[in-house]
Amino acid sequence: RDRCLKPGGKMFPSRCSIMACPVSMEAMRRDRMDCWKDVFGLDMSPLGEQLAVQLFQTPMVDFVTPDQFLSTPLTLTDFDCHNVTEEELRTISGQMAFVAEKQGDCA
């Protein structure tokens, strides 16, 4: 935007929201965990469990569908794409409290 957009140029989208929601990632967990149960005839599931702990401690960006939502999504922040600075984007933070609306393994 700062290098390529002409003064007064239009941006699409012009506003952006960052939202968060606890989601069920059972299919991903199954895909990444079940493969460790039989590695060339060896049960390596303890290693898979260790890797899963590391995986789920790291923030993840992924595509999810509404049926995976365990709660109502909340907006962390929204901003005008024309005026937001790089520094503002780097320092987004906040706390959120969710109420579980259905059961599932939260990721």
Protein backbone atom coordinates (compact mmCIF):
# COMPACT_ATOMS: atom_id res chain seq x y z
CA ARG A 1 0.00 0.00 0.00
CA ASP A 2 2.69 2.52 0.95
CA ARG A 3 4.76 1.83 -2.18
CA CYS A 4 2.16 1.02 -4.83
CA LEU A 5 -1.09 2.85 -4.07
CA LYS A 6 -1.54 6.27 -5.65
CA PRO A 7 -2.64 9.06 -3.29
CA GLY A 8 -6.42 8.78 -2.97
CA GLY A 9 -6.36 5.28 -4.49
CA LYS A 10 -8.96 2.69 -3.48
CA MET A 11 -8.14 -0.40 -1.45
CA PHE A 12 -10.28 -3.51 -1.32
CA PRO A 13 -10.90 -4.43 1.40
CA SER A 14 -10.64 -1.03 3.00
CA ARG A 15 -11.34 -2.35 6.52
CA CYS A 16 -10.10 -5.50 8.19
CA SER A 17 -11.17 -7.39 11.30
CA ILE A 18 -9.10 -9.91 13.23
CA MET A 19 -11.36 -12.43 14.91
CA ALA A 20 -10.73 -15.40 17.15
CA CYS A 21 -12.71 -18.43 18.18
CA PRO A 22 -11.91 -21.76 19.82
CA VAL A 23 -12.39 -24.45 17.18
CA SER A 24 -12.40 -28.21 16.97
CA MET A 25 -9.49 -29.52 14.92
CA GLU A 26 -10.27 -33.21 15.39
CA ALA A 27 -9.61 -34.13 11.75
CA MET A 28 -6.22 -32.41 11.75
CA ARG A 29 -5.32 -34.04 15.06
CA ARG A 30 -6.35 -37.44 13.69
CA ASP A 31 -4.29 -36.90 10.54
CA ARG A 32 -1.19 -35.89 12.48
CA MET A 33 -1.54 -38.30 15.40
CA ASP A 34 -2.80 -41.56 13.91
CA CYS A 35 0.17 -41.87 11.56
CA TRP A 36 2.45 -42.37 14.60
CA LYS A 37 0.60 -45.51 15.77
CA ASP A 38 2.23 -47.64 13.09
CA VAL A 39 5.58 -46.53 11.69
CA PHE A 40 6.92 -49.53 9.79
CA GLY A 41 5.35 -51.80 12.42
CA LEU A 42 6.49 -49.77 15.44
CA ASP A 43 4.15 -47.91 17.79
CA MET A 44 5.63 -44.40 17.86
CA SER A 45 2.54 -42.76 19.40
CA PRO A 46 4.52 -41.37 22.41
CA LEU A 47 6.64 -39.37 19.94
CA GLY A 48 3.49 -38.23 18.17
CA GLU A 49 2.05 -37.03 21.49
CA GLN A 50 5.20 -34.96 22.15
CA LEU A 51 5.02 -33.43 18.67
CA ALA A 52 1.31 -32.65 19.16
CA VAL A 53 2.08 -30.75 22.36
CA GLN A 54 4.61 -28.63 20.46
CA LEU A 55 2.24 -28.17 17.52
CA PHE A 56 -0.69 -27.00 19.63
CA GLN A 57 1.45 -24.54 21.64
CA THR A 58 2.26 -22.60 18.48
CA PRO A 59 -0.24 -20.08 17.11
CA MET A 60 -1.83 -21.48 13.99
CA VAL A 61 -3.50 -19.79 11.04
CA ASP A 62 -5.78 -22.12 9.16
CA PHE A 63 -9.06 -22.22 7.28
CA VAL A 64 -11.98 -23.50 9.32
CA THR A 65 -15.68 -23.91 8.69
CA PRO A 66 -18.46 -22.71 11.01
CA ASP A 67 -19.28 -26.29 12.03
CA GLN A 68 -15.86 -26.39 13.74
CA PHE A 69 -16.65 -23.37 15.96
CA LEU A 70 -17.00 -24.26 19.65
CA SER A 71 -18.07 -20.73 20.57
CA THR A 72 -19.22 -17.49 18.98
CA PRO A 73 -16.29 -15.73 17.23
CA LEU A 74 -15.18 -12.46 18.85
CA THR A 75 -13.45 -9.50 17.24
CA LEU A 76 -10.00 -8.79 18.66
CA THR A 77 -9.51 -5.65 16.60
CA ASP A 78 -10.52 -3.98 13.38
CA PHE A 79 -8.74 -1.28 11.45
CA ASP A 80 -8.80 0.97 8.42
CA CYS A 81 -6.40 -0.50 5.86
CA HIS A 82 -5.62 2.98 4.50
CA ASN A 83 -4.30 4.31 7.81
CA VAL A 84 -2.99 1.40 9.89
CA THR A 85 0.77 1.38 10.41
CA GLU A 86 3.14 -1.58 10.38
CA GLU A 87 3.90 -0.92 14.03
CA GLU A 88 0.21 -1.07 14.94
CA LEU A 89 -0.10 -4.41 13.17
CA ARG A 90 2.96 -5.80 14.98
CA THR A 91 1.64 -4.85 18.40
CA ILE A 92 -1.93 -6.15 18.25
CA SER A 93 -2.76 -7.83 21.54
CA GLY A 94 -5.71 -8.41 23.78
CA GLN A 95 -7.52 -10.83 26.02
CA MET A 96 -10.71 -12.63 25.19
CA ALA A 97 -13.08 -14.84 27.16
CA PHE A 98 -15.13 -17.44 25.32
CA VAL A 99 -18.15 -19.43 26.48
CA ALA A 100 -18.21 -22.96 25.09
CA GLU A 101 -21.41 -23.56 23.16
CA LYS A 102 -20.70 -27.13 22.09
CA GLN A 103 -18.36 -29.97 22.97
CA GLY A 104 -15.18 -30.78 21.11
CA ASP A 105 -11.41 -30.90 21.41
CA CYS A 106 -10.32 -27.28 21.42
CA ALA A 107 -7.30 -26.32 19.34
